[in-house]
C-alpha atoms as a PDB file:
ATOM      1  CA  MET A   1      -0.050  -0.043  -0.171  1.00  0.00           C
ATOM      2  CA  LEU A   2       2.549   2.476   1.069  1.00  0.00           C
ATOM      3  CA  ALA A   3       4.857   1.729  -2.105  1.00  0.00           C
ATOM      4  CA  SER A   4       1.838   2.608  -4.569  1.00  0.00           C
ATOM      5  CA  CYS A   5       1.329   5.702  -2.840  1.00  0.00           C
ATOM      6  CA  ALA A   6       4.746   6.700  -2.678  1.00  0.00           C
ATOM      7  CA  SER A   7       5.086   6.345  -6.535  1.00  0.00           C
ATOM      8  CA  GLU A   8       1.944   8.185  -7.141  1.00  0.00           C
ATOM      9  CA  ALA A   9       2.210  11.644  -8.948  1.00  0.00           C
ATOM     10  CA  SER A  10       0.901  14.354  -6.836  1.00  0.00           C
ATOM     11  CA  LEU A  11       1.025  18.188  -6.859  1.00  0.00           C
ATOM     12  CA  GLN A  12       2.776  18.189  -3.690  1.00  0.00           C
ATOM     13  CA  HIS A  13       5.558  16.064  -4.894  1.00  0.00           C
ATOM     14  CA  TYR A  14       5.622  17.943  -8.035  1.00  0.00           C
ATOM     15  CA  PHE A  15       5.984  21.169  -5.698  1.00  0.00           C
ATOM     16  CA  VAL A  16       8.916  19.611  -3.773  1.00  0.00           C
ATOM     17  CA  ASP A  17      10.745  18.319  -6.751  1.00  0.00           C
ATOM     18  CA  ASN A  18      10.823  21.507  -8.527  1.00  0.00           C
ATOM     19  CA  GLN A  19      11.102  24.183  -5.935  1.00  0.00           C
ATOM     20  CA  GLU A  20      14.734  24.419  -6.355  1.00  0.00           C
ATOM     21  CA  SER A  21      15.103  24.460 -10.051  1.00  0.00           C
ATOM     22  CA  SER A  22      16.271  27.181 -12.191  1.00  0.00           C
ATOM     23  CA  ASN A  23      13.290  27.700 -14.102  1.00  0.00           C
ATOM     24  CA  PHE A  24      10.936  27.538 -11.329  1.00  0.00           C
ATOM     25  CA  ILE A  25       9.927  30.017  -8.486  1.00  0.00           C
ATOM     26  CA  SER A  26       8.217  28.865  -5.150  1.00  0.00           C
ATOM     27  CA  GLN A  27       6.927  30.769  -2.400  1.00  0.00           C
ATOM     28  CA  ASP A  28       4.655  30.066   0.588  1.00  0.00           C
ATOM     29  CA  ILE A  29       2.361  32.966   1.271  1.00  0.00           C
ATOM     30  CA  PRO A  30       0.637  33.365   4.616  1.00  0.00           C
ATOM     31  CA  ILE A  31      -2.928  34.828   3.890  1.00  0.00           C
ATOM     32  CA  SER A  32      -2.420  37.343   6.765  1.00  0.00           C
ATOM     33  CA  MET A  33      -0.018  38.761   4.119  1.00  0.00           C
ATOM     34  CA  VAL A  34      -2.568  39.263   1.340  1.00  0.00           C
ATOM     35  CA  LYS A  35      -4.007  42.832   1.695  1.00  0.00           C
ATOM     36  CA  LEU A  36      -7.187  43.317   0.050  1.00  0.00           C
ATOM     37  CA  ASP A  37     -10.304  45.787   0.199  1.00  0.00           C
ATOM     38  CA  LYS A  38     -12.882  43.273   1.370  1.00  0.00           C
ATOM     39  CA  SER A  39     -15.594  45.853   2.057  1.00  0.00           C
ATOM     40  CA  HIS A  40     -17.305  44.569  -1.095  1.00  0.00           C
ATOM     41  CA  PHE A  41     -17.325  41.143  -0.112  1.00  0.00           C
ATOM     42  CA  SER A  42     -20.365  39.353   0.515  1.00  0.00           C
ATOM     43  CA  GLU A  43     -20.749  37.300   3.873  1.00  0.00           C
ATOM     44  CA  GLU A  44     -19.979  34.047   1.637  1.00  0.00           C
ATOM     45  CA  GLN A  45     -17.014  35.565   0.221  1.00  0.00           C
ATOM     46  CA  ASN A  46     -15.693  36.744   3.849  1.00  0.00           C
ATOM     47  CA  GLU A  47     -16.321  33.351   4.948  1.00  0.00           C
ATOM     48  CA  ALA A  48     -14.268  31.676   2.055  1.00  0.00           C
ATOM     49  CA  PHE A  49     -11.297  34.239   2.309  1.00  0.00           C
ATOM     50  CA  ASN A  50     -11.325  33.592   6.296  1.00  0.00           C
ATOM     51  CA  SER A  51     -11.124  29.702   5.764  1.00  0.00           C
ATOM     52  CA  VAL A  52      -7.908  30.188   3.750  1.00  0.00           C
ATOM     53  CA  LYS A  53      -4.767  29.777   5.724  1.00  0.00           C
ATOM     54  CA  ARG A  54      -1.866  29.912   3.361  1.00  0.00           C
ATOM     55  CA  LEU A  55      -0.997  29.695  -0.339  1.00  0.00           C
ATOM     56  CA  ASN A  56       1.773  27.706  -1.752  1.00  0.00           C
ATOM     57  CA  PHE A  57       2.827  29.265  -5.161  1.00  0.00           C
ATOM     58  CA  LEU A  58       4.921  27.320  -7.804  1.00  0.00           C
ATOM     59  CA  GLY A  59       5.758  29.076 -11.178  1.00  0.00           C
ATOM     60  CA  TYR A  60       7.443  27.836 -14.287  1.00  0.00           C
ATOM     61  CA  LYS A  61       8.898  30.202 -16.633  1.00  0.00           C
ATOM     62  CA  VAL A  62       9.220  29.344 -20.262  1.00  0.00           C
ATOM     63  CA  SER A  63      12.955  29.106 -21.464  1.00  0.00           C
ATOM     64  CA  GLU A  64      12.327  26.795 -24.311  1.00  0.00           C
ATOM     65  CA  ALA A  65       9.038  25.490 -25.885  1.00  0.00           C
ATOM     66  CA  LYS A  66      10.205  21.739 -25.525  1.00  0.00           C
ATOM     67  CA  THR A  67      10.784  21.854 -21.832  1.00  0.00           C
ATOM     68  CA  PHE A  68       7.832  24.027 -21.301  1.00  0.00           C
ATOM     69  CA  LYS A  69       5.363  21.462 -22.982  1.00  0.00           C
ATOM     70  CA  THR A  70       7.144  18.680 -20.976  1.00  0.00           C
ATOM     71  CA  GLU A  71       6.489  20.584 -17.481  1.00  0.00           C
ATOM     72  CA  LEU A  72       2.837  21.485 -18.681  1.00  0.00           C
ATOM     73  CA  ALA A  73       1.997  17.831 -19.718  1.00  0.00           C
ATOM     74  CA  LYS A  74       3.195  16.669 -16.221  1.00  0.00           C
ATOM     75  CA  VAL A  75       0.910  19.214 -14.466  1.00  0.00           C
ATOM     76  CA  LYS A  76      -2.022  18.449 -16.705  1.00  0.00           C
ATOM     77  CA  THR A  77      -1.426  14.564 -15.862  1.00  0.00           C
ATOM     78  CA  ILE A  78      -1.400  15.110 -12.223  1.00  0.00           C
ATOM     79  CA  LEU A  79      -4.483  17.112 -12.417  1.00  0.00           C
ATOM     80  CA  LYS A  80      -6.429  14.753 -14.446  1.00  0.00           C
ATOM     81  CA  ASP A  81      -6.384  12.473 -11.309  1.00  0.00           C
ATOM     82  CA  LYS A  82      -9.888  11.657 -10.158  1.00  0.00           C
ATOM     83  CA  LYS A  83      -9.110  13.198  -6.860  1.00  0.00           C
ATOM     84  CA  TYR A  84      -9.080  16.452  -8.061  1.00  0.00           C
ATOM     85  CA  ASN A  85     -12.449  17.874  -8.707  1.00  0.00           C
ATOM     86  CA  ASP A  86     -13.338  20.274 -11.370  1.00  0.00           C
ATOM     87  CA  LEU A  87     -14.615  23.820  -9.766  1.00  0.00           C
ATOM     88  CA  MET A  88     -14.403  26.266 -12.483  1.00  0.00           C
ATOM     89  CA  GLU A  89     -12.484  27.313 -15.745  1.00  0.00           C
ATOM     90  CA  PHE A  90     -12.053  30.783 -17.273  1.00  0.00           C
ATOM     91  CA  ASN A  91      -9.793  32.951 -19.342  1.00  0.00           C
ATOM     92  CA  ASP A  92      -8.393  36.046 -17.790  1.00  0.00           C
ATOM     93  CA  LYS A  93      -6.111  38.389 -20.098  1.00  0.00           C
ATOM     94  CA  GLY A  94      -5.139  35.457 -22.385  1.00  0.00           C
ATOM     95  CA  ARG A  95      -4.386  32.826 -19.821  1.00  0.00           C
ATOM     96  CA  LYS A  96      -6.400  29.919 -19.137  1.00  0.00           C
ATOM     97  CA  ILE A  97      -7.169  29.475 -15.592  1.00  0.00           C
ATOM     98  CA  ILE A  98      -8.305  25.947 -14.088  1.00  0.00           C
ATOM     99  CA  VAL A  99      -9.679  25.569 -10.464  1.00  0.00           C
ATOM    100  CA  LYS A 100      -9.796  22.271  -9.032  1.00  0.00           C
ATOM    101  CA  TYR A 101     -10.269  20.864  -5.470  1.00  0.00           C
ATOM    102  CA  VAL A 102      -9.176  17.843  -3.265  1.00  0.00           C
ATOM    103  CA  GLY A 103     -12.182  16.845  -0.821  1.00  0.00           C
ATOM    104  CA  THR A 104     -15.833  16.503  -0.718  1.00  0.00           C
ATOM    105  CA  ASP A 105     -18.763  18.713  -2.137  1.00  0.00           C
ATOM    106  CA  ASP A 106     -19.182  20.263   1.473  1.00  0.00           C
ATOM    107  CA  GLU A 107     -15.479  20.795   2.305  1.00  0.00           C
ATOM    108  CA  ALA A 108     -12.299  21.255   0.242  1.00  0.00           C
ATOM    109  CA  ASP A 109      -9.192  19.934   1.718  1.00  0.00           C
ATOM    110  CA  GLU A 110      -7.016  21.802  -0.751  1.00  0.00           C
ATOM    111  CA  VAL A 111      -7.994  24.228  -3.768  1.00  0.00           C
ATOM    112  CA  ILE A 112      -5.789  24.214  -6.868  1.00  0.00           C
ATOM    113  CA  VAL A 113      -5.434  27.145  -9.147  1.00  0.00           C
ATOM    114  CA  PHE A 114      -3.631  26.581 -12.321  1.00  0.00           C
ATOM    115  CA  GLY A 115      -3.038  29.289 -14.757  1.00  0.00           C
ATOM    116  CA  SER A 116      -0.741  28.994 -18.112  1.00  0.00           C
ATOM    117  CA  SER A 117       0.300  31.135 -20.863  1.00  0.00           C
ATOM    118  CA  LYS A 118       2.648  29.708 -23.802  1.00  0.00           C
ATOM    119  CA  ASP A 119       4.569  33.121 -23.767  1.00  0.00           C
ATOM    120  CA  LEU A 120       5.038  33.242 -19.968  1.00  0.00           C
ATOM    121  CA  GLY A 121       4.811  29.923 -18.357  1.00  0.00           C
ATOM    122  CA  PHE A 122       2.442  28.592 -15.816  1.00  0.00           C
ATOM    123  CA  GLY A 123       1.790  29.157 -12.075  1.00  0.00           C
ATOM    124  CA  ILE A 124       0.250  26.751  -9.517  1.00  0.00           C
ATOM    125  CA  ILE A 125      -1.367  27.902  -6.412  1.00  0.00           C
ATOM    126  CA  ARG A 126      -2.251  25.488  -3.733  1.00  0.00           C
ATOM    127  CA  VAL A 127      -4.834  27.152  -1.304  1.00  0.00           C
ATOM    128  CA  LEU A 128      -4.696  25.417   2.117  1.00  0.00           C
ATOM    129  CA  GLY A 129      -7.200  26.137   4.946  1.00  0.00           C
ATOM    130  CA  ASN A 130      -9.868  24.999   7.214  1.00  0.00           C
ATOM    131  CA  ASP A 131     -13.488  24.296   6.380  1.00  0.00           C
ATOM    132  CA  MET A 132     -13.103  25.547   2.914  1.00  0.00           C
ATOM    133  CA  SER A 133     -16.434  25.275   1.055  1.00  0.00           C
ATOM    134  CA  PRO A 134     -15.894  24.705  -2.844  1.00  0.00           C
ATOM    135  CA  ASP A 135     -19.261  26.668  -3.542  1.00  0.00           C
ATOM    136  CA  LYS A 136     -17.910  29.532  -1.361  1.00  0.00           C
ATOM    137  CA  MET A 137     -14.598  29.516  -3.110  1.00  0.00           C
ATOM    138  CA  VAL A 138     -16.257  29.801  -6.445  1.00  0.00           C
ATOM    139  CA  THR A 139     -17.875  33.176  -5.257  1.00  0.00           C
ATOM    140  CA  LEU A 140     -14.314  34.231  -3.559  1.00  0.00           C
ATOM    141  CA  ILE A 141     -12.560  33.635  -7.095  1.00  0.00           C
ATOM    142  CA  THR A 142     -15.208  35.545  -8.859  1.00  0.00           C
ATOM    143  CA  ALA A 143     -14.937  38.548  -6.580  1.00  0.00           C
ATOM    144  CA  LEU A 144     -11.137  38.280  -6.832  1.00  0.00           C
ATOM    145  CA  GLN A 145     -11.416  38.419 -10.660  1.00  0.00           C
ATOM    146  CA  LYS A 146     -13.066  41.825 -10.379  1.00  0.00           C
ATOM    147  CA  ALA A 147     -10.934  43.201  -7.099  1.00  0.00           C
ATOM    148  CA  ASP A 148      -8.358  45.858  -7.478  1.00  0.00           C
ATOM    149  CA  ILE A 149      -5.359  43.921  -6.199  1.00  0.00           C
ATOM    150  CA  ASP A 150      -2.218  45.747  -5.217  1.00  0.00           C
ATOM    151  CA  GLU A 151       0.238  44.092  -7.539  1.00  0.00           C
ATOM    152  CA  SER A 152       3.122  45.260  -5.637  1.00  0.00           C
ATOM    153  CA  GLN A 153       2.425  42.269  -3.307  1.00  0.00           C
ATOM    154  CA  VAL A 154       3.028  39.837  -5.974  1.00  0.00           C
ATOM    155  CA  GLU A 155       5.728  41.937  -7.930  1.00  0.00           C
ATOM    156  CA  ASN A 156       8.690  39.413  -7.313  1.00  0.00           C
ATOM    157  CA  LEU A 157       6.477  36.846  -8.536  1.00  0.00           C
ATOM    158  CA  MET A 158       5.681  38.559 -11.789  1.00  0.00           C
ATOM    159  CA  ASN A 159       9.166  39.969 -12.445  1.00  0.00           C
ATOM    160  CA  PHE A 160      10.112  36.354 -12.277  1.00  0.00           C
ATOM    161  CA  PHE A 161       8.083  35.616 -15.640  1.00  0.00           C
ATOM    162  CA  LYS A 162       9.529  38.560 -17.318  1.00  0.00           C
END
């Protein structure tokens, strides 16, 4: 039993295996460091935001097309596993964003936000917290799409992709 679990590809293993690689950037972000204007949030959105404890980010910068396609395929294969439930999909500024979660319809153990762009690379955010409701997370993500986020908070991450 342990042998089969250990060889199984997972997002967590992918993060650990690549966090030190040159074309990757990795960062743990406590939610307390994310500054947002929550005055327009609904009660559901506030509950969803408050259920999040930290974000694990892993980004991959395109250096050559072949390597990018290989890494992208690895992530897509991991996310095809049946333990990753579809939550939503959308396009934002030319980037495809896929949101999945691990858990039940009532409680997500982890929410995954995966965005990719063939010109820049891709980024994966593992959203970790307590009592995260998938439905409420959808409303939070929708609100964040419209929010005026201070980009200086993620400036070092964005500079990595340039």
